[in-house]
N, C-alpha and C. Protein backbone atom coordinates (compact mmCIF):
# COMPACT_ATOMS: atom_id res chain seq x y z
N MET A 1 6.98 2.07 -0.29
CA MET A 1 8.20 1.10 -1.00
C MET A 1 7.43 -0.06 -2.11
N TRP A 2 6.38 -0.56 -1.12
CA TRP A 2 6.33 -1.19 -1.96
C TRP A 2 5.55 -1.15 -3.40
N ARG A 3 4.71 -0.10 -3.59
CA ARG A 3 3.93 0.70 -4.82
C ARG A 3 5.14 0.94 -5.75
N LEU A 4 6.23 1.32 -4.97
CA LEU A 4 7.14 1.62 -5.79
C LEU A 4 8.40 0.70 -6.67
N ALA A 5 8.00 -0.57 -5.77
CA ALA A 5 9.15 -1.74 -5.97
C ALA A 5 8.20 -2.85 -7.65
N GLY A 6 6.74 -2.61 -7.04
CA GLY A 6 6.00 -3.14 -7.82
C GLY A 6 6.00 -2.43 -9.58
N PHE A 7 5.85 -0.90 -8.98
CA PHE A 7 5.64 -0.31 -10.11
C PHE A 7 6.92 -0.06 -10.97
N ALA A 8 8.10 -0.33 -10.47
CA ALA A 8 9.10 -0.43 -11.40
C ALA A 8 9.98 -1.79 -11.61
N LEU A 9 9.14 -2.94 -11.08
CA LEU A 9 9.54 -4.15 -11.36
C LEU A 9 8.21 -4.97 -12.72
N GLY A 10 6.90 -4.09 -12.96
CA GLY A 10 6.24 -3.93 -14.17
C GLY A 10 6.95 -2.88 -15.06
N PHE A 11 7.24 -1.81 -14.90
CA PHE A 11 7.84 -0.56 -15.50
C PHE A 11 8.87 -0.84 -16.39
N LEU A 12 10.11 -1.28 -15.52
CA LEU A 12 10.98 -1.35 -16.51
C LEU A 12 11.42 -2.17 -17.35
N PRO A 13 11.02 -3.85 -16.92
CA PRO A 13 10.98 -4.86 -18.35
C PRO A 13 9.95 -4.20 -19.77
N ALA A 14 9.02 -3.45 -19.37
CA ALA A 14 8.22 -3.06 -20.20
C ALA A 14 8.72 -2.23 -20.85
N CYS A 15 9.45 -1.27 -20.52
CA CYS A 15 10.11 -0.77 -21.50
C CYS A 15 11.22 -0.90 -22.57
N ILE A 16 12.10 -2.07 -22.19
CA ILE A 16 12.64 -2.92 -23.03
C ILE A 16 12.20 -3.83 -24.01
N GLY A 17 11.31 -4.22 -23.34
CA GLY A 17 9.93 -5.33 -24.37
C GLY A 17 9.79 -6.35 -23.85
N ASP A 18 8.74 -6.89 -24.47
CA ASP A 18 7.67 -8.36 -23.93
C ASP A 18 8.43 -9.20 -23.63
N ARG A 19 9.25 -9.53 -24.29
CA ARG A 19 10.15 -10.80 -23.63
C ARG A 19 11.04 -10.14 -22.21
N TYR A 20 11.29 -9.07 -21.82
CA TYR A 20 11.82 -8.65 -20.03
C TYR A 20 10.65 -8.97 -19.67
N LEU A 21 9.36 -8.71 -20.09
CA LEU A 21 8.52 -8.63 -19.14
C LEU A 21 8.12 -9.83 -18.80
N PHE A 22 7.88 -10.50 -19.82
CA PHE A 22 7.83 -12.21 -19.13
C PHE A 22 8.28 -12.92 -18.51
N LYS A 23 10.09 -12.44 -18.35
CA LYS A 23 10.99 -13.73 -18.10
C LYS A 23 11.17 -12.63 -16.21
N THR A 24 10.48 -11.44 -16.32
CA THR A 24 10.04 -11.14 -14.96
C THR A 24 9.33 -11.82 -14.60
N VAL A 25 8.15 -12.02 -15.10
CA VAL A 25 6.96 -12.57 -14.22
C VAL A 25 7.31 -13.94 -14.12
N GLU A 26 8.30 -15.12 -15.12
CA GLU A 26 8.93 -16.38 -14.57
C GLU A 26 9.86 -16.08 -13.49
N ALA A 27 10.12 -14.91 -13.45
CA ALA A 27 10.86 -15.17 -12.33
C ALA A 27 10.13 -14.52 -11.15
N VAL A 28 9.94 -13.64 -10.75
CA VAL A 28 8.65 -13.53 -9.75
C VAL A 28 8.26 -15.24 -9.30
N GLU A 29 7.49 -15.79 -10.08
CA GLU A 29 6.76 -16.72 -10.04
C GLU A 29 7.62 -18.36 -9.53
N THR A 30 8.71 -17.69 -10.21
CA THR A 30 9.49 -18.75 -9.65
C THR A 30 10.05 -19.10 -8.48
N PHE A 31 10.17 -17.96 -8.05
CA PHE A 31 10.38 -17.63 -6.37
C PHE A 31 9.16 -17.73 -5.41
N VAL A 32 7.88 -17.70 -6.00
CA VAL A 32 6.45 -17.83 -5.25
C VAL A 32 7.22 -19.48 -5.09
N GLU A 33 6.93 -20.06 -6.32
CA GLU A 33 6.71 -21.51 -6.47
C GLU A 33 7.50 -21.89 -5.03
N VAL A 34 8.52 -21.43 -5.43
CA VAL A 34 9.97 -22.25 -4.06
C VAL A 34 9.27 -21.55 -2.78
N HIS A 35 8.80 -20.27 -1.76
CA HIS A 35 8.42 -20.15 -1.01
C HIS A 35 6.67 -20.37 -0.78
N TYR A 36 6.51 -21.03 -1.51
CA TYR A 36 4.71 -21.50 -1.39
C TYR A 36 5.53 -23.14 -0.92
N HIS A 37 6.41 -23.72 -1.27
CA HIS A 37 7.19 -24.74 -1.14
C HIS A 37 7.98 -25.14 0.24
N GLU A 38 8.12 -23.86 0.92
CA GLU A 38 8.67 -23.73 2.15
C GLU A 38 7.82 -23.54 2.99
N GLN A 39 6.55 -23.86 2.81
CA GLN A 39 5.59 -23.41 3.78
C GLN A 39 5.12 -24.69 3.65
N ILE A 40 4.47 -25.31 2.15
CA ILE A 40 3.69 -26.72 2.47
C ILE A 40 4.49 -27.71 2.94
N ASN A 41 5.62 -28.12 2.68
CA ASN A 41 6.55 -28.88 2.95
C ASN A 41 6.54 -29.59 4.56
N PRO A 42 6.51 -28.46 5.22
CA PRO A 42 7.02 -28.47 6.89
C PRO A 42 5.47 -29.39 7.13
N LEU A 43 4.25 -28.44 6.75
CA LEU A 43 3.17 -28.98 7.07
C LEU A 43 2.46 -30.25 6.55
N ARG A 44 3.20 -30.62 5.53
CA ARG A 44 3.00 -31.77 4.74
C ARG A 44 3.90 -33.34 5.91
N GLU A 45 5.34 -32.48 5.98
CA GLU A 45 5.73 -33.96 6.71
C GLU A 45 5.43 -34.50 8.35
N HIS A 46 4.76 -33.14 8.80
CA HIS A 46 4.24 -33.71 9.97
C HIS A 46 2.62 -33.08 10.31
N GLY A 47 2.20 -33.50 8.94
CA GLY A 47 0.69 -34.47 9.00
C GLY A 47 -0.04 -33.20 9.40
N ARG A 48 0.31 -32.27 9.51
CA ARG A 48 -0.65 -30.42 10.11
C ARG A 48 -1.54 -29.48 9.15
N CYS A 49 -2.59 -29.66 9.56
CA CYS A 49 -3.47 -28.72 9.05
C CYS A 49 -3.60 -29.23 7.28
N PRO A 50 -4.61 -30.29 7.06
CA PRO A 50 -4.48 -30.72 5.83
C PRO A 50 -4.96 -29.60 4.72
N GLN A 51 -6.13 -29.50 5.50
CA GLN A 51 -7.14 -28.27 4.40
C GLN A 51 -5.97 -27.14 3.75
N LEU A 52 -5.23 -26.77 4.96
CA LEU A 52 -4.30 -25.91 4.29
C LEU A 52 -3.43 -25.86 3.43
N VAL A 53 -3.16 -27.66 3.47
CA VAL A 53 -1.91 -27.37 2.45
C VAL A 53 -2.33 -27.81 1.30
N GLU A 54 -3.80 -28.94 1.30
CA GLU A 54 -4.44 -28.37 -0.06
C GLU A 54 -4.71 -26.71 -0.88
N LEU A 55 -4.86 -26.45 0.20
CA LEU A 55 -5.47 -25.11 -0.46
C LEU A 55 -3.57 -24.30 -1.19
N LEU A 56 -2.79 -24.75 0.41
CA LEU A 56 -1.83 -23.56 -0.57
C LEU A 56 -1.30 -24.64 -2.02
N GLU A 57 -1.33 -26.12 -1.76
CA GLU A 57 -1.33 -26.31 -3.33
C GLU A 57 -1.78 -25.64 -4.33
N HIS A 58 -2.90 -25.35 -4.36
CA HIS A 58 -4.05 -25.01 -5.72
C HIS A 58 -3.47 -23.85 -5.95
N CYS A 59 -3.26 -22.96 -4.94
CA CYS A 59 -2.62 -21.65 -4.89
C CYS A 59 -1.44 -21.73 -5.58
N CYS A 60 -0.02 -22.37 -4.93
CA CYS A 60 1.12 -22.59 -5.59
C CYS A 60 0.54 -23.35 -7.40
N ALA A 61 -0.05 -24.53 -7.52
CA ALA A 61 -0.25 -24.95 -9.25
C ALA A 61 -0.81 -23.40 -9.53
N ASP A 62 -1.14 -22.91 -9.29
CA ASP A 62 -2.11 -21.25 -9.88
C ASP A 62 -0.77 -20.77 -10.05
N GLU A 63 0.11 -20.29 -9.39
CA GLU A 63 1.10 -19.76 -9.79
C GLU A 63 2.16 -20.01 -10.91
N VAL A 64 2.40 -21.50 -10.81
CA VAL A 64 3.00 -22.42 -11.37
C VAL A 64 2.55 -22.23 -13.26
N HIS A 65 1.24 -22.07 -13.37
CA HIS A 65 0.45 -21.76 -14.47
C HIS A 65 1.40 -20.75 -15.13
N HIS A 66 1.39 -19.73 -14.09
CA HIS A 66 1.86 -18.21 -14.57
C HIS A 66 3.07 -18.28 -15.09
N LYS A 67 3.99 -19.16 -13.80
CA LYS A 67 5.38 -18.89 -14.50
C LYS A 67 5.25 -19.42 -16.04
N GLU A 68 4.64 -20.71 -16.25
CA GLU A 68 4.80 -21.44 -17.25
C GLU A 68 4.22 -21.10 -18.39
N ASP A 69 3.25 -19.85 -18.38
CA ASP A 69 2.61 -19.11 -19.46
C ASP A 69 3.53 -17.95 -20.12
N ALA A 70 4.06 -17.29 -18.87
CA ALA A 70 4.89 -16.41 -19.12
C ALA A 70 5.98 -16.94 -20.07
N ALA A 71 6.72 -18.02 -19.47
CA ALA A 71 7.85 -18.86 -20.04
C ALA A 71 7.90 -19.21 -21.70
N ALA A 72 6.48 -19.58 -22.19
CA ALA A 72 6.00 -19.62 -23.59
C ALA A 72 5.73 -18.17 -24.02
N ARG A 73 5.32 -17.03 -23.09
CA ARG A 73 5.55 -15.97 -23.94
C ARG A 73 6.58 -15.11 -24.14
N SER A 74 7.68 -15.96 -23.50
CA SER A 74 8.78 -15.12 -23.59
C SER A 74 9.40 -15.20 -24.76
N GLY A 75 8.94 -16.30 -25.63
CA GLY A 75 9.77 -16.20 -27.34
C GLY A 75 10.20 -17.60 -27.48
N GLY A 76 10.08 -18.29 -26.15
CA GLY A 76 11.57 -19.37 -26.26
C GLY A 76 12.59 -19.49 -25.96
N GLY A 77 13.45 -20.07 -27.19
CA GLY A 77 14.95 -20.02 -26.93
C GLY A 77 15.56 -19.63 -25.42
N GLU A 78 16.75 -19.92 -25.65
CA GLU A 78 17.71 -19.77 -24.01
C GLU A 78 17.12 -18.05 -23.89
N THR A 79 17.42 -18.54 -22.61
CA THR A 79 17.83 -17.06 -22.16
C THR A 79 18.85 -16.34 -21.71
N GLY A 80 19.43 -15.58 -22.41
CA GLY A 80 20.28 -14.72 -22.59
C GLY A 80 21.10 -13.89 -21.74
N TYR A 81 22.40 -13.81 -21.26
CA TYR A 81 23.33 -13.59 -20.05
C TYR A 81 22.58 -12.20 -19.31
N ALA A 82 22.35 -11.35 -19.93
CA ALA A 82 21.54 -9.99 -19.70
C ALA A 82 19.80 -10.58 -19.16
N GLU A 83 19.44 -11.32 -19.63
CA GLU A 83 18.05 -11.72 -19.17
C GLU A 83 18.36 -12.43 -17.81
N TYR A 84 19.29 -13.74 -17.61
CA TYR A 84 19.25 -14.53 -16.32
C TYR A 84 20.17 -13.34 -15.02
N VAL A 85 20.79 -12.81 -15.53
CA VAL A 85 21.18 -11.25 -14.65
C VAL A 85 20.12 -10.40 -13.85
N TRP A 86 19.54 -10.17 -14.76
CA TRP A 86 17.87 -9.57 -14.58
C TRP A 86 17.16 -10.62 -13.79
N MET A 87 16.47 -11.87 -14.35
CA MET A 87 16.03 -12.62 -13.35
C MET A 87 16.56 -12.79 -12.19
N ALA A 88 17.63 -13.23 -12.56
CA ALA A 88 18.49 -13.36 -10.37
C ALA A 88 18.54 -12.12 -9.70
N VAL A 89 18.29 -10.74 -10.59
CA VAL A 89 17.96 -9.73 -9.76
C VAL A 89 16.22 -9.77 -9.05
N VAL A 90 15.78 -9.42 -10.03
CA VAL A 90 14.36 -10.03 -9.81
C VAL A 90 13.79 -11.16 -8.40
N LYS A 91 14.58 -12.21 -8.43
CA LYS A 91 14.55 -13.43 -7.15
C LYS A 91 15.16 -13.25 -6.39
N LEU A 92 16.38 -12.46 -6.06
CA LEU A 92 16.76 -11.64 -4.95
C LEU A 92 15.70 -10.94 -4.12
N GLY A 93 15.82 -9.54 -5.22
CA GLY A 93 14.67 -8.38 -4.71
C GLY A 93 13.24 -9.25 -4.01
N SER A 94 12.95 -10.48 -4.99
CA SER A 94 11.59 -11.06 -3.77
C SER A 94 11.97 -11.67 -2.98
N ALA A 95 13.17 -12.44 -2.85
CA ALA A 95 13.44 -12.83 -1.40
C ALA A 95 13.43 -11.38 -0.23
N ALA A 96 14.19 -10.27 -0.71
CA ALA A 96 14.26 -9.53 0.45
C ALA A 96 12.84 -8.60 0.95
N ALA A 97 12.40 -8.66 -0.36
CA ALA A 97 11.00 -8.35 0.01
C ALA A 97 10.09 -9.28 0.65
N ALA A 98 10.27 -10.11 0.94
CA ALA A 98 9.66 -11.52 1.80
C ALA A 98 10.01 -11.39 3.01
N GLU A 99 11.41 -11.38 2.73
CA GLU A 99 12.17 -11.30 4.63
C GLU A 99 11.37 -9.93 5.62
N VAL A 100 11.53 -8.68 4.34
CA VAL A 100 11.05 -7.68 5.15
C VAL A 100 9.49 -7.82 5.54
N ALA A 101 8.83 -8.19 4.57
CA ALA A 101 7.44 -8.69 5.34
C ALA A 101 7.56 -9.16 6.33
N ARG A 102 7.93 -10.59 6.28
CA ARG A 102 8.32 -11.27 7.86
C ARG A 102 8.48 -10.73 9.29
N ARG A 103 9.37 -10.00 8.91
CA ARG A 103 10.02 -8.89 10.07
C ARG A 103 9.19 -7.85 10.24
N VAL A 104 8.20 -7.34 9.47
CA VAL A 104 7.55 -6.09 9.53
C VAL A 104 6.02 -6.59 10.12
């Protein structure tokens, strides 16, 4: 299931065009950034595991870089309605996959 979803997430937008591929990366990395902060913020608030917080912040910064790079490579301009819908589907799918992974 994971491999199929990952393949589809790369293959489908690549078939449409580079802009959709980069919008997909931007959407995934946006979700990942939020997900990292959901882990980092409670640890920081409670003063727990400072080395882990530092590592997570470093990893998150790398993901943010990927997001910003993808946004720049998408050609700029406003996100169209179809792109917006696709990005929402990608974020929702990412959230669903993360929830399944938590429970498995």
